[in-house]
């Protein structure tokens, strides 16, 4: 029954939603993480503290709570619905996919920003001094030396974050009307009374995607971090 056409169709629909959610949250989270990492390493103390407070709150609270706060949050307050229900951007909060995407992207940005900021701080001083000796400006050093080096060195930690975000997308099933892989397993469980088979198949899907992601990051690390590998004699 688990391989019946109707169950495979449910898993296929859930897989498309899961992959769309993962790719979009990573794209949005990457842009936000880069901006936040620059803020965390800036010379402005107030900016560092402001973004640091944000990342502390994101990393210090469960993702499920963040999803609930966004989906059942401001846009669901009665007086906001009465006054701003048809005004941008509140109209987007009616969409379950948007609420889940926003929660996951903000969470991913908080974690990724701290990883990237740490790599920026650990940039070897010799690389910066060499760039300055060539007459590069501060922003040129950041753009051509610091950021490329930091992004490469962040790859191993970021790969773990991507896999964790893939697993975290299973929380999207808690948002009504959002049909991901976990929600598909729940539908099959309720329709055919196959709890073990349904969730085992969902676990296998997540495992296959995780294996593919790890393989892609291994290839990227082999290409961009080859200079850090021990020399072979």
N, C-alpha and C. Protein backbone atom coordinates (compact mmCIF):
# COMPACT_ATOMS: atom_id res chain seq x y z
N UNK A 1 0.83 -1.21 0.00
CA UNK A 1 0.00 0.00 0.00
C UNK A 1 0.87 1.27 0.00
N UNK A 2 2.04 1.19 0.65
CA UNK A 2 2.88 2.37 0.74
C UNK A 2 3.44 2.77 -0.62
N UNK A 3 3.51 1.80 -1.56
CA UNK A 3 4.00 2.09 -2.90
C UNK A 3 2.88 2.21 -3.91
N UNK A 4 1.67 2.34 -3.43
CA UNK A 4 0.53 2.52 -4.33
C UNK A 4 0.63 3.88 -5.02
N UNK A 5 0.08 4.02 -6.21
CA UNK A 5 0.18 5.29 -6.94
C UNK A 5 -0.33 6.49 -6.15
N UNK A 6 -1.43 6.32 -5.39
CA UNK A 6 -1.97 7.46 -4.67
C UNK A 6 -1.06 7.92 -3.53
N UNK A 7 -0.39 6.97 -2.86
CA UNK A 7 0.53 7.35 -1.79
C UNK A 7 1.81 7.97 -2.36
N UNK A 8 2.29 7.42 -3.47
CA UNK A 8 3.48 8.00 -4.11
C UNK A 8 3.19 9.41 -4.61
N UNK A 9 1.97 9.64 -5.07
CA UNK A 9 1.60 10.99 -5.51
C UNK A 9 1.61 11.96 -4.34
N UNK A 10 1.12 11.52 -3.18
CA UNK A 10 1.13 12.37 -1.99
C UNK A 10 2.57 12.72 -1.59
N UNK A 11 3.44 11.71 -1.59
CA UNK A 11 4.83 11.97 -1.24
C UNK A 11 5.48 12.90 -2.27
N UNK A 12 5.13 12.74 -3.55
CA UNK A 12 5.68 13.61 -4.58
C UNK A 12 5.27 15.06 -4.38
N UNK A 13 4.00 15.28 -4.05
CA UNK A 13 3.53 16.64 -3.80
C UNK A 13 4.22 17.23 -2.57
N UNK A 14 4.36 16.42 -1.53
CA UNK A 14 5.04 16.90 -0.33
C UNK A 14 6.50 17.18 -0.57
N UNK A 15 7.15 16.36 -1.40
CA UNK A 15 8.57 16.56 -1.70
C UNK A 15 8.80 17.87 -2.44
N UNK A 16 7.92 18.20 -3.38
CA UNK A 16 8.07 19.46 -4.11
C UNK A 16 7.96 20.66 -3.18
N UNK A 17 7.01 20.60 -2.25
CA UNK A 17 6.86 21.70 -1.29
C UNK A 17 8.08 21.80 -0.39
N UNK A 18 8.58 20.66 0.07
CA UNK A 18 9.75 20.65 0.95
C UNK A 18 10.97 21.23 0.24
N UNK A 19 11.21 20.82 -0.99
CA UNK A 19 12.37 21.33 -1.73
C UNK A 19 12.22 22.81 -2.05
N UNK A 20 11.02 23.23 -2.42
CA UNK A 20 10.80 24.65 -2.68
C UNK A 20 11.04 25.48 -1.43
N UNK A 21 10.53 24.99 -0.31
CA UNK A 21 10.72 25.69 0.95
C UNK A 21 12.19 25.76 1.32
N UNK A 22 12.92 24.66 1.14
CA UNK A 22 14.34 24.62 1.50
C UNK A 22 15.16 25.58 0.63
N UNK A 23 14.95 25.53 -0.67
CA UNK A 23 15.74 26.37 -1.57
C UNK A 23 15.46 27.85 -1.35
N UNK A 24 14.21 28.21 -1.16
CA UNK A 24 13.87 29.62 -0.98
C UNK A 24 14.36 30.14 0.37
N UNK A 25 14.23 29.33 1.42
CA UNK A 25 14.70 29.81 2.73
C UNK A 25 16.21 29.96 2.75
N UNK A 26 16.93 29.08 2.04
CA UNK A 26 18.38 29.20 1.99
C UNK A 26 18.81 30.43 1.22
N UNK A 27 18.09 30.74 0.14
CA UNK A 27 18.43 31.93 -0.65
C UNK A 27 18.19 33.20 0.16
N UNK A 28 17.03 33.30 0.78
CA UNK A 28 16.72 34.49 1.60
C UNK A 28 17.64 34.55 2.81
N UNK A 29 17.83 33.41 3.46
CA UNK A 29 18.68 33.38 4.64
C UNK A 29 20.12 33.73 4.34
N UNK A 30 20.62 33.36 3.17
CA UNK A 30 22.00 33.67 2.81
C UNK A 30 22.21 35.18 2.67
N UNK A 31 21.25 35.84 2.02
CA UNK A 31 21.36 37.30 1.86
C UNK A 31 21.30 37.99 3.22
N UNK A 32 20.35 37.60 4.04
CA UNK A 32 20.23 38.21 5.37
C UNK A 32 21.45 37.90 6.23
N UNK A 33 21.96 36.67 6.14
CA UNK A 33 23.12 36.28 6.94
C UNK A 33 24.35 37.11 6.57
N UNK A 34 24.54 37.36 5.28
CA UNK A 34 25.68 38.17 4.85
C UNK A 34 25.59 39.58 5.41
N UNK A 35 24.41 40.19 5.34
CA UNK A 35 24.24 41.54 5.88
C UNK A 35 24.43 41.56 7.39
N UNK A 36 23.90 40.55 8.07
CA UNK A 36 24.05 40.49 9.52
C UNK A 36 25.49 40.23 9.93
N UNK A 37 26.20 39.40 9.17
CA UNK A 37 27.60 39.12 9.49
C UNK A 37 28.43 40.39 9.36
N UNK A 38 28.15 41.18 8.34
CA UNK A 38 28.86 42.46 8.19
C UNK A 38 28.53 43.39 9.35
N UNK A 39 27.28 43.34 9.81
CA UNK A 39 26.91 44.18 10.95
C UNK A 39 27.60 43.69 12.23
N UNK A 40 27.69 42.37 12.40
CA UNK A 40 28.33 41.82 13.60
C UNK A 40 29.82 42.11 13.66
N UNK A 41 30.43 42.35 12.52
CA UNK A 41 31.87 42.63 12.49
C UNK A 41 32.17 44.09 12.16
N UNK A 42 31.14 44.94 12.22
CA UNK A 42 31.35 46.35 11.89
C UNK A 42 32.00 47.08 13.07
N UNK A 43 32.38 48.32 12.83
CA UNK A 43 32.99 49.14 13.87
C UNK A 43 31.95 49.85 14.73
N UNK A 44 30.68 49.77 14.32
CA UNK A 44 29.61 50.44 15.07
C UNK A 44 29.12 49.53 16.19
N UNK A 45 29.36 49.94 17.42
CA UNK A 45 28.99 49.10 18.57
C UNK A 45 27.49 48.88 18.64
N UNK A 46 26.70 49.94 18.38
CA UNK A 46 25.25 49.80 18.48
C UNK A 46 24.71 48.82 17.46
N UNK A 47 25.33 48.78 16.27
CA UNK A 47 24.89 47.84 15.24
C UNK A 47 25.25 46.41 15.62
N UNK A 48 26.44 46.22 16.17
CA UNK A 48 26.84 44.88 16.62
C UNK A 48 25.91 44.38 17.71
N UNK A 49 25.56 45.26 18.66
CA UNK A 49 24.69 44.84 19.76
C UNK A 49 23.28 44.55 19.29
N UNK A 50 22.80 45.34 18.35
CA UNK A 50 21.44 45.14 17.84
C UNK A 50 21.31 43.81 17.12
N UNK A 51 22.22 43.54 16.19
CA UNK A 51 22.17 42.28 15.45
C UNK A 51 22.53 41.11 16.36
N UNK A 52 23.45 41.33 17.30
CA UNK A 52 23.79 40.29 18.25
C UNK A 52 22.61 39.89 19.12
N UNK A 53 21.79 40.86 19.51
CA UNK A 53 20.58 40.56 20.28
C UNK A 53 19.60 39.73 19.45
N UNK A 54 19.51 40.05 18.16
CA UNK A 54 18.62 39.28 17.29
C UNK A 54 19.09 37.83 17.17
N UNK A 55 20.37 37.63 16.88
CA UNK A 55 20.86 36.26 16.74
C UNK A 55 20.77 35.49 18.04
N UNK A 56 20.94 36.18 19.17
CA UNK A 56 20.81 35.52 20.47
C UNK A 56 19.38 35.03 20.68
N UNK A 57 18.41 35.87 20.34
CA UNK A 57 17.00 35.48 20.49
C UNK A 57 16.64 34.34 19.54
N UNK A 58 17.14 34.40 18.31
CA UNK A 58 16.83 33.35 17.33
C UNK A 58 17.42 32.02 17.78
N UNK A 59 18.68 32.04 18.23
CA UNK A 59 19.34 30.80 18.63
C UNK A 59 18.90 30.32 19.99
N UNK A 60 18.28 31.20 20.77
CA UNK A 60 17.87 30.84 22.12
C UNK A 60 16.43 30.41 22.26
N UNK A 61 15.67 30.42 21.17
CA UNK A 61 14.26 30.01 21.21
C UNK A 61 14.02 28.90 20.20
N UNK A 62 13.08 27.99 20.48
CA UNK A 62 12.80 26.88 19.55
C UNK A 62 12.22 27.39 18.23
N UNK A 63 12.58 26.73 17.16
CA UNK A 63 12.06 27.10 15.85
C UNK A 63 10.55 26.95 15.78
N UNK A 64 10.02 25.94 16.42
CA UNK A 64 8.57 25.74 16.41
C UNK A 64 7.84 26.95 17.00
N UNK A 65 8.39 27.50 18.09
CA UNK A 65 7.79 28.69 18.69
C UNK A 65 7.85 29.87 17.72
N UNK A 66 8.96 29.99 17.01
CA UNK A 66 9.09 31.08 16.03
C UNK A 66 8.07 30.95 14.91
N UNK A 67 7.83 29.72 14.47
CA UNK A 67 6.81 29.49 13.44
C UNK A 67 5.44 29.90 13.96
N UNK A 68 5.12 29.50 15.17
CA UNK A 68 3.82 29.86 15.75
C UNK A 68 3.68 31.36 15.93
N UNK A 69 4.75 32.02 16.37
CA UNK A 69 4.67 33.45 16.59
C UNK A 69 4.39 34.21 15.30
N UNK A 70 4.94 33.71 14.19
CA UNK A 70 4.72 34.39 12.92
C UNK A 70 3.35 34.04 12.34
N UNK A 71 3.01 32.76 12.36
CA UNK A 71 1.74 32.36 11.74
C UNK A 71 0.54 32.80 12.57
N UNK A 72 0.66 32.66 13.90
CA UNK A 72 -0.45 33.06 14.78
C UNK A 72 -0.15 34.40 15.45
N UNK A 73 0.77 35.17 14.87
CA UNK A 73 1.22 36.40 15.50
C UNK A 73 0.45 37.63 15.11
N UNK A 74 1.22 38.70 14.74
CA UNK A 74 0.61 40.01 14.53
C UNK A 74 -0.50 40.00 13.49
N UNK A 75 -0.30 39.27 12.41
CA UNK A 75 -1.30 39.29 11.35
C UNK A 75 -2.61 38.66 11.76
N UNK A 76 -2.61 37.90 12.87
CA UNK A 76 -3.84 37.27 13.33
C UNK A 76 -4.54 38.07 14.42
N UNK A 77 -3.91 39.17 14.86
CA UNK A 77 -4.54 40.00 15.87
C UNK A 77 -5.78 40.67 15.27
N UNK A 78 -6.85 40.69 16.02
CA UNK A 78 -8.14 41.13 15.48
C UNK A 78 -8.12 42.56 14.99
N UNK A 79 -7.52 43.49 15.76
CA UNK A 79 -7.57 44.89 15.36
C UNK A 79 -6.71 45.17 14.14
N UNK A 80 -5.67 44.36 13.93
CA UNK A 80 -4.86 44.49 12.72
C UNK A 80 -5.63 43.97 11.51
N UNK A 81 -6.34 42.85 11.70
CA UNK A 81 -7.12 42.31 10.61
C UNK A 81 -8.23 43.28 10.19
N UNK A 82 -8.82 43.97 11.15
CA UNK A 82 -9.91 44.89 10.83
C UNK A 82 -9.43 46.13 10.08
N UNK A 83 -8.22 46.59 10.38
CA UNK A 83 -7.74 47.85 9.81
C UNK A 83 -6.80 47.65 8.63
N UNK A 84 -5.93 46.64 8.71
CA UNK A 84 -4.87 46.47 7.71
C UNK A 84 -4.97 45.15 6.96
N UNK A 85 -6.13 44.52 6.97
CA UNK A 85 -6.26 43.18 6.42
C UNK A 85 -5.91 43.13 4.94
N UNK A 86 -6.19 44.21 4.20
CA UNK A 86 -5.94 44.23 2.76
C UNK A 86 -4.78 45.13 2.39
N UNK A 87 -3.92 45.46 3.35
CA UNK A 87 -2.80 46.34 3.11
C UNK A 87 -1.51 45.53 3.14
N UNK A 88 -0.65 45.79 2.15
CA UNK A 88 0.66 45.15 2.13
C UNK A 88 1.47 45.64 3.33
N UNK A 89 2.24 44.77 4.05
CA UNK A 89 2.53 43.38 3.72
C UNK A 89 1.66 42.38 4.47
N UNK A 90 0.66 42.86 5.18
CA UNK A 90 -0.14 41.94 6.01
C UNK A 90 -0.88 40.90 5.18
N UNK A 91 -1.14 41.22 3.91
CA UNK A 91 -1.85 40.26 3.08
C UNK A 91 -1.05 38.97 2.90
N UNK A 92 0.28 39.06 2.92
CA UNK A 92 1.10 37.86 2.75
C UNK A 92 0.99 36.91 3.94
N UNK A 93 0.67 37.45 5.10
CA UNK A 93 0.59 36.61 6.28
C UNK A 93 -0.64 35.72 6.29
N UNK A 94 -1.48 35.87 5.29
CA UNK A 94 -2.61 34.95 5.14
C UNK A 94 -2.17 33.64 4.51
N UNK A 95 -0.98 33.65 3.88
CA UNK A 95 -0.48 32.48 3.17
C UNK A 95 0.36 31.61 4.10
N UNK A 96 -0.02 30.34 4.32
CA UNK A 96 0.77 29.46 5.20
C UNK A 96 2.20 29.28 4.73
N UNK A 97 2.40 29.16 3.41
CA UNK A 97 3.76 28.96 2.89
C UNK A 97 4.64 30.15 3.22
N UNK A 98 4.11 31.36 3.05
CA UNK A 98 4.91 32.56 3.34
C UNK A 98 5.29 32.61 4.81
N UNK A 99 4.38 32.29 5.70
CA UNK A 99 4.68 32.34 7.13
C UNK A 99 5.76 31.33 7.50
N UNK A 100 5.65 30.11 6.97
CA UNK A 100 6.68 29.10 7.25
C UNK A 100 8.01 29.51 6.65
N UNK A 101 7.99 30.02 5.43
CA UNK A 101 9.22 30.46 4.76
C UNK A 101 9.89 31.58 5.54
N UNK A 102 9.12 32.54 6.01
CA UNK A 102 9.69 33.66 6.77
C UNK A 102 10.32 33.18 8.06
N UNK A 103 9.65 32.29 8.78
CA UNK A 103 10.19 31.78 10.04
C UNK A 103 11.48 31.01 9.82
N UNK A 104 11.51 30.14 8.81
CA UNK A 104 12.70 29.35 8.55
C UNK A 104 13.85 30.22 8.05
N UNK A 105 13.55 31.19 7.19
CA UNK A 105 14.61 32.05 6.66
C UNK A 105 15.23 32.90 7.75
N UNK A 106 14.42 33.46 8.64
CA UNK A 106 14.94 34.27 9.74
C UNK A 106 15.79 33.42 10.68
N UNK A 107 15.34 32.19 10.93
CA UNK A 107 16.10 31.29 11.79
C UNK A 107 17.44 30.93 11.15
N UNK A 108 17.40 30.57 9.87
CA UNK A 108 18.63 30.23 9.16
C UNK A 108 19.60 31.41 9.11
N UNK A 109 19.07 32.60 8.92
CA UNK A 109 19.92 33.79 8.87
C UNK A 109 20.62 34.03 10.20
N UNK A 110 19.93 33.81 11.31
CA UNK A 110 20.53 34.02 12.62
C UNK A 110 21.71 33.10 12.87
N UNK A 111 21.56 31.83 12.53
CA UNK A 111 22.65 30.88 12.74
C UNK A 111 23.80 31.11 11.75
N UNK A 112 23.43 31.29 10.48
CA UNK A 112 24.46 31.45 9.45
C UNK A 112 25.26 32.74 9.65
N UNK A 113 24.61 33.79 10.13
CA UNK A 113 25.31 35.06 10.35
C UNK A 113 26.41 34.90 11.39
N UNK A 114 26.13 34.18 12.45
CA UNK A 114 27.15 33.98 13.48
C UNK A 114 28.32 33.15 12.96
N UNK A 115 28.02 32.15 12.13
CA UNK A 115 29.10 31.33 11.56
C UNK A 115 29.98 32.16 10.63
N UNK A 116 29.34 32.94 9.77
CA UNK A 116 30.10 33.75 8.83
C UNK A 116 30.88 34.85 9.55
N UNK A 117 30.26 35.45 10.56
CA UNK A 117 30.96 36.49 11.32
C UNK A 117 32.19 35.92 12.01
N UNK A 118 32.08 34.70 12.52
CA UNK A 118 33.24 34.07 13.14
C UNK A 118 34.36 33.83 12.15
N UNK A 119 34.00 33.42 10.94
CA UNK A 119 35.03 33.22 9.91
C UNK A 119 35.67 34.54 9.50
N UNK A 120 34.88 35.61 9.45
CA UNK A 120 35.44 36.92 9.10
C UNK A 120 36.44 37.36 10.17
N UNK A 121 36.10 37.17 11.43
CA UNK A 121 36.99 37.57 12.52
C UNK A 121 38.28 36.76 12.50
N UNK A 122 38.22 35.51 12.02
CA UNK A 122 39.39 34.63 12.04
C UNK A 122 40.22 34.72 10.77
N UNK A 123 39.93 35.68 9.91
CA UNK A 123 40.74 35.86 8.70
C UNK A 123 42.18 36.17 9.11
N UNK A 124 43.15 35.46 8.58
CA UNK A 124 44.54 35.72 8.96
C UNK A 124 44.94 37.17 8.74
N UNK A 125 45.61 37.72 9.74
CA UNK A 125 46.01 39.13 9.65
C UNK A 125 46.97 39.37 8.49
N UNK A 126 47.76 38.34 8.14
CA UNK A 126 48.71 38.50 7.05
C UNK A 126 48.03 38.76 5.72
N UNK A 127 46.86 38.15 5.50
CA UNK A 127 46.14 38.37 4.25
C UNK A 127 45.66 39.82 4.16
N UNK A 128 45.16 40.33 5.27
CA UNK A 128 44.68 41.71 5.28
C UNK A 128 45.83 42.69 5.11
N UNK A 129 46.93 42.44 5.80
CA UNK A 129 48.09 43.33 5.69
C UNK A 129 48.65 43.33 4.27
N UNK A 130 48.66 42.18 3.63
CA UNK A 130 49.16 42.10 2.26
C UNK A 130 48.27 42.90 1.31
N UNK A 131 46.96 42.81 1.52
CA UNK A 131 46.04 43.56 0.68
C UNK A 131 46.19 45.06 0.90
N UNK A 132 46.34 45.45 2.16
CA UNK A 132 46.53 46.87 2.44
C UNK A 132 47.84 47.39 1.86
N UNK A 133 48.87 46.54 1.86
CA UNK A 133 50.15 46.93 1.29
C UNK A 133 50.05 47.15 -0.22
N UNK A 134 49.07 46.47 -0.84
CA UNK A 134 48.84 46.65 -2.28
C UNK A 134 48.04 47.91 -2.57
N UNK A 135 47.62 48.63 -1.52
CA UNK A 135 46.88 49.86 -1.70
C UNK A 135 45.38 49.70 -1.77
N UNK A 136 44.86 48.54 -1.38
CA UNK A 136 43.40 48.33 -1.41
C UNK A 136 42.72 49.13 -0.31
N UNK A 137 41.53 49.62 -0.61
CA UNK A 137 40.72 50.29 0.40
C UNK A 137 40.11 49.25 1.34
N UNK A 138 39.50 49.75 2.41
CA UNK A 138 38.89 48.84 3.39
C UNK A 138 37.81 47.98 2.75
N UNK A 139 36.97 48.57 1.91
CA UNK A 139 35.89 47.81 1.27
C UNK A 139 36.44 46.87 0.21
N UNK A 140 37.50 47.28 -0.46
CA UNK A 140 38.12 46.39 -1.44
C UNK A 140 38.72 45.16 -0.76
N UNK A 141 39.34 45.37 0.39
CA UNK A 141 39.88 44.25 1.16
C UNK A 141 38.76 43.31 1.58
N UNK A 142 37.65 43.90 2.04
CA UNK A 142 36.51 43.09 2.47
C UNK A 142 35.93 42.29 1.31
N UNK A 143 35.78 42.94 0.17
CA UNK A 143 35.13 42.30 -0.98
C UNK A 143 36.02 41.28 -1.67
N UNK A 144 37.33 41.56 -1.76
CA UNK A 144 38.21 40.71 -2.56
C UNK A 144 39.03 39.72 -1.74
N UNK A 145 39.19 39.99 -0.45
CA UNK A 145 40.04 39.12 0.38
C UNK A 145 39.24 38.46 1.50
N UNK A 146 38.63 39.28 2.35
CA UNK A 146 38.03 38.76 3.58
C UNK A 146 36.81 37.89 3.29
N UNK A 147 35.84 38.41 2.54
CA UNK A 147 34.62 37.65 2.30
C UNK A 147 34.85 36.35 1.53
N UNK A 148 35.60 36.35 0.43
CA UNK A 148 35.84 35.07 -0.24
C UNK A 148 36.50 34.03 0.66
N UNK A 149 37.49 34.47 1.44
CA UNK A 149 38.17 33.55 2.35
C UNK A 149 37.22 33.04 3.43
N UNK A 150 36.42 33.95 4.00
CA UNK A 150 35.49 33.57 5.06
C UNK A 150 34.41 32.63 4.55
N UNK A 151 33.88 32.89 3.37
CA UNK A 151 32.84 32.03 2.79
C UNK A 151 33.36 30.63 2.56
N UNK A 152 34.59 30.51 2.08
CA UNK A 152 35.16 29.18 1.86
C UNK A 152 35.31 28.44 3.17
N UNK A 153 35.83 29.11 4.18
CA UNK A 153 36.08 28.43 5.45
C UNK A 153 34.80 28.13 6.22
N UNK A 154 33.70 28.76 5.85
CA UNK A 154 32.42 28.51 6.51
C UNK A 154 31.70 27.30 5.94
N UNK A 155 32.15 26.81 4.79
CA UNK A 155 31.45 25.73 4.11
C UNK A 155 31.16 24.50 4.99
N UNK A 156 32.14 23.95 5.74
CA UNK A 156 31.83 22.76 6.54
C UNK A 156 30.72 23.00 7.57
N UNK A 157 30.79 24.12 8.28
CA UNK A 157 29.75 24.41 9.27
C UNK A 157 28.42 24.72 8.59
N UNK A 158 28.47 25.42 7.46
CA UNK A 158 27.23 25.76 6.76
C UNK A 158 26.54 24.53 6.20
N UNK A 159 27.32 23.53 5.79
CA UNK A 159 26.70 22.30 5.29
C UNK A 159 25.86 21.63 6.37
N UNK A 160 26.36 21.64 7.61
CA UNK A 160 25.56 21.10 8.72
C UNK A 160 24.29 21.90 8.93
N UNK A 161 24.39 23.22 8.80
CA UNK A 161 23.22 24.08 8.96
C UNK A 161 22.18 23.80 7.89
N UNK A 162 22.62 23.57 6.66
CA UNK A 162 21.68 23.28 5.57
C UNK A 162 20.94 21.98 5.83
N UNK A 163 21.66 20.95 6.27
CA UNK A 163 21.02 19.67 6.56
C UNK A 163 20.04 19.83 7.73
N UNK A 164 20.44 20.58 8.74
CA UNK A 164 19.54 20.82 9.87
C UNK A 164 18.28 21.58 9.43
N UNK A 165 18.43 22.53 8.51
CA UNK A 165 17.27 23.25 8.02
C UNK A 165 16.36 22.33 7.20
N UNK A 166 16.95 21.40 6.47
CA UNK A 166 16.13 20.42 5.76
C UNK A 166 15.27 19.64 6.74
N UNK A 167 15.88 19.18 7.82
CA UNK A 167 15.12 18.44 8.83
C UNK A 167 14.09 19.35 9.51
N UNK A 168 14.44 20.61 9.69
CA UNK A 168 13.52 21.53 10.36
C UNK A 168 12.30 21.85 9.52
N UNK A 169 12.40 21.69 8.20
CA UNK A 169 11.23 21.96 7.37
C UNK A 169 10.08 21.01 7.68
N UNK A 170 10.38 19.92 8.38
CA UNK A 170 9.29 19.02 8.78
C UNK A 170 8.31 19.71 9.73
N UNK A 171 8.77 20.79 10.38
CA UNK A 171 7.87 21.55 11.25
C UNK A 171 6.83 22.32 10.45
N UNK A 172 7.03 22.43 9.15
CA UNK A 172 6.04 23.12 8.32
C UNK A 172 4.70 22.40 8.35
N UNK A 173 4.71 21.11 8.67
CA UNK A 173 3.46 20.36 8.74
C UNK A 173 2.57 20.83 9.87
N UNK A 174 3.13 21.60 10.82
CA UNK A 174 2.30 22.14 11.91
C UNK A 174 1.50 23.35 11.46
N UNK A 175 1.84 23.92 10.31
CA UNK A 175 1.09 25.05 9.77
C UNK A 175 -0.07 24.51 8.95
N UNK A 176 -1.29 24.88 9.25
CA UNK A 176 -2.44 24.36 8.51
C UNK A 176 -2.33 24.65 7.01
N UNK A 177 -2.78 23.70 6.22
CA UNK A 177 -2.85 23.81 4.75
C UNK A 177 -1.50 23.80 4.07
N UNK A 178 -0.42 23.51 4.80
CA UNK A 178 0.90 23.41 4.18
C UNK A 178 1.26 21.93 4.09
N UNK A 179 1.43 21.44 2.88
CA UNK A 179 1.55 20.00 2.63
C UNK A 179 2.98 19.65 2.23
N UNK A 180 3.81 19.28 3.21
CA UNK A 180 5.17 18.86 2.93
C UNK A 180 5.28 17.35 3.09
N UNK A 181 6.52 16.84 3.13
CA UNK A 181 6.71 15.39 3.22
C UNK A 181 6.12 14.83 4.51
N UNK A 182 6.36 15.51 5.62
CA UNK A 182 5.83 15.03 6.90
C UNK A 182 4.31 15.08 6.91
N UNK A 183 3.73 16.12 6.34
CA UNK A 183 2.27 16.19 6.24
C UNK A 183 1.73 15.08 5.36
N UNK A 184 2.46 14.73 4.29
CA UNK A 184 2.05 13.61 3.43
C UNK A 184 2.04 12.31 4.21
N UNK A 185 3.07 12.10 5.04
CA UNK A 185 3.10 10.90 5.87
C UNK A 185 1.93 10.88 6.85
N UNK A 186 1.61 12.04 7.42
CA UNK A 186 0.47 12.11 8.32
C UNK A 186 -0.84 11.81 7.61
N UNK A 187 -0.98 12.28 6.36
CA UNK A 187 -2.19 11.99 5.58
C UNK A 187 -2.31 10.49 5.30
N UNK A 188 -1.20 9.87 4.93
CA UNK A 188 -1.23 8.43 4.64
C UNK A 188 -1.54 7.64 5.91
N UNK A 189 -1.00 8.09 7.03
CA UNK A 189 -1.28 7.44 8.31
C UNK A 189 -2.76 7.50 8.62
N UNK A 190 -3.36 8.67 8.46
CA UNK A 190 -4.77 8.82 8.80
C UNK A 190 -5.70 8.12 7.81
N UNK A 191 -5.28 8.06 6.54
CA UNK A 191 -6.15 7.45 5.53
C UNK A 191 -6.04 5.93 5.49
N UNK A 192 -4.81 5.41 5.67
CA UNK A 192 -4.59 3.97 5.49
C UNK A 192 -4.15 3.27 6.76
N UNK A 193 -4.01 4.00 7.87
CA UNK A 193 -3.62 3.41 9.15
C UNK A 193 -2.29 2.66 9.04
N UNK A 194 -1.31 3.34 8.46
CA UNK A 194 0.03 2.76 8.30
C UNK A 194 1.06 3.70 8.96
N UNK A 195 1.05 3.79 10.27
CA UNK A 195 1.95 4.76 10.92
C UNK A 195 3.43 4.45 10.71
N UNK A 196 3.81 3.20 10.87
CA UNK A 196 5.23 2.83 10.76
C UNK A 196 5.71 3.00 9.32
N UNK A 197 4.97 2.45 8.37
CA UNK A 197 5.38 2.52 6.97
C UNK A 197 5.39 3.95 6.46
N UNK A 198 4.38 4.75 6.84
CA UNK A 198 4.26 6.11 6.34
C UNK A 198 5.44 6.98 6.79
N UNK A 199 5.74 6.93 8.07
CA UNK A 199 6.82 7.78 8.58
C UNK A 199 8.19 7.20 8.26
N UNK A 200 8.29 5.90 8.08
CA UNK A 200 9.56 5.31 7.65
C UNK A 200 9.88 5.76 6.23
N UNK A 201 8.87 5.81 5.37
CA UNK A 201 9.09 6.28 4.00
C UNK A 201 9.48 7.76 4.00
N UNK A 202 8.85 8.56 4.86
CA UNK A 202 9.22 9.98 4.96
C UNK A 202 10.66 10.13 5.44
N UNK A 203 11.05 9.31 6.41
CA UNK A 203 12.44 9.35 6.90
C UNK A 203 13.41 8.99 5.78
N UNK A 204 13.04 8.01 4.94
CA UNK A 204 13.91 7.62 3.83
C UNK A 204 14.06 8.76 2.82
N UNK A 205 12.99 9.52 2.60
CA UNK A 205 13.06 10.65 1.67
C UNK A 205 14.01 11.72 2.21
N UNK A 206 13.85 12.05 3.50
CA UNK A 206 14.75 13.03 4.11
C UNK A 206 16.20 12.54 4.09
N UNK A 207 16.39 11.25 4.31
CA UNK A 207 17.74 10.69 4.30
C UNK A 207 18.38 10.80 2.92
N UNK A 208 17.62 10.54 1.88
CA UNK A 208 18.16 10.63 0.52
C UNK A 208 18.53 12.07 0.18
N UNK A 209 17.68 13.02 0.56
CA UNK A 209 17.99 14.43 0.29
C UNK A 209 19.23 14.85 1.07
N UNK A 210 19.32 14.43 2.33
CA UNK A 210 20.48 14.76 3.15
C UNK A 210 21.76 14.19 2.54
N UNK A 211 21.68 12.96 2.04
CA UNK A 211 22.85 12.34 1.42
C UNK A 211 23.29 13.14 0.20
N UNK A 212 22.33 13.59 -0.60
CA UNK A 212 22.65 14.39 -1.79
C UNK A 212 23.28 15.73 -1.40
N UNK A 213 22.74 16.37 -0.37
CA UNK A 213 23.27 17.66 0.07
C UNK A 213 24.70 17.52 0.60
N UNK A 214 24.91 16.49 1.41
CA UNK A 214 26.26 16.26 1.96
C UNK A 214 27.25 16.01 0.83
N UNK A 215 26.83 15.25 -0.18
CA UNK A 215 27.71 15.00 -1.31
C UNK A 215 28.06 16.26 -2.07
N UNK A 216 27.08 17.12 -2.28
CA UNK A 216 27.34 18.39 -2.98
C UNK A 216 28.31 19.27 -2.20
N UNK A 217 28.13 19.33 -0.88
CA UNK A 217 29.02 20.15 -0.07
C UNK A 217 30.42 19.54 0.00
N UNK A 218 30.52 18.22 -0.03
CA UNK A 218 31.85 17.59 -0.06
C UNK A 218 32.59 17.97 -1.34
N UNK A 219 31.86 18.01 -2.46
CA UNK A 219 32.49 18.42 -3.71
C UNK A 219 32.92 19.88 -3.64
N UNK A 220 32.06 20.73 -3.06
CA UNK A 220 32.40 22.15 -2.93
C UNK A 220 33.60 22.34 -2.02
N UNK A 221 33.65 21.59 -0.91
CA UNK A 221 34.79 21.71 -0.01
C UNK A 221 36.07 21.23 -0.67
N UNK A 222 35.97 20.16 -1.44
CA UNK A 222 37.15 19.67 -2.14
C UNK A 222 37.68 20.68 -3.15
N UNK A 223 36.80 21.48 -3.72
CA UNK A 223 37.22 22.47 -4.70
C UNK A 223 37.74 23.74 -4.06
N UNK A 224 37.01 24.26 -3.07
CA UNK A 224 37.32 25.58 -2.53
C UNK A 224 38.19 25.54 -1.28
N UNK A 225 38.35 24.37 -0.67
CA UNK A 225 39.20 24.27 0.52
C UNK A 225 40.40 23.37 0.28
N UNK A 226 40.72 23.15 -0.97
CA UNK A 226 41.85 22.28 -1.28
C UNK A 226 43.17 22.85 -0.76
N UNK A 227 43.26 24.18 -0.71
CA UNK A 227 44.51 24.81 -0.27
C UNK A 227 44.76 24.59 1.22
N UNK A 228 43.74 24.19 1.98
CA UNK A 228 43.91 23.93 3.41
C UNK A 228 44.27 22.47 3.70
N UNK A 229 44.15 21.62 2.69
CA UNK A 229 44.46 20.20 2.90
C UNK A 229 45.95 20.00 3.06
N UNK A 230 46.36 18.98 3.86
CA UNK A 230 47.80 18.70 4.01
C UNK A 230 48.43 18.33 2.67
N UNK A 231 49.65 18.76 2.46
CA UNK A 231 50.35 18.45 1.23
C UNK A 231 50.73 16.97 1.17
N UNK A 232 50.55 16.43 -0.01
CA UNK A 232 50.94 15.02 -0.21
C UNK A 232 52.32 14.96 -0.84
N UNK A 233 53.16 14.15 -0.27
CA UNK A 233 54.54 14.01 -0.77
C UNK A 233 54.66 12.75 -1.61
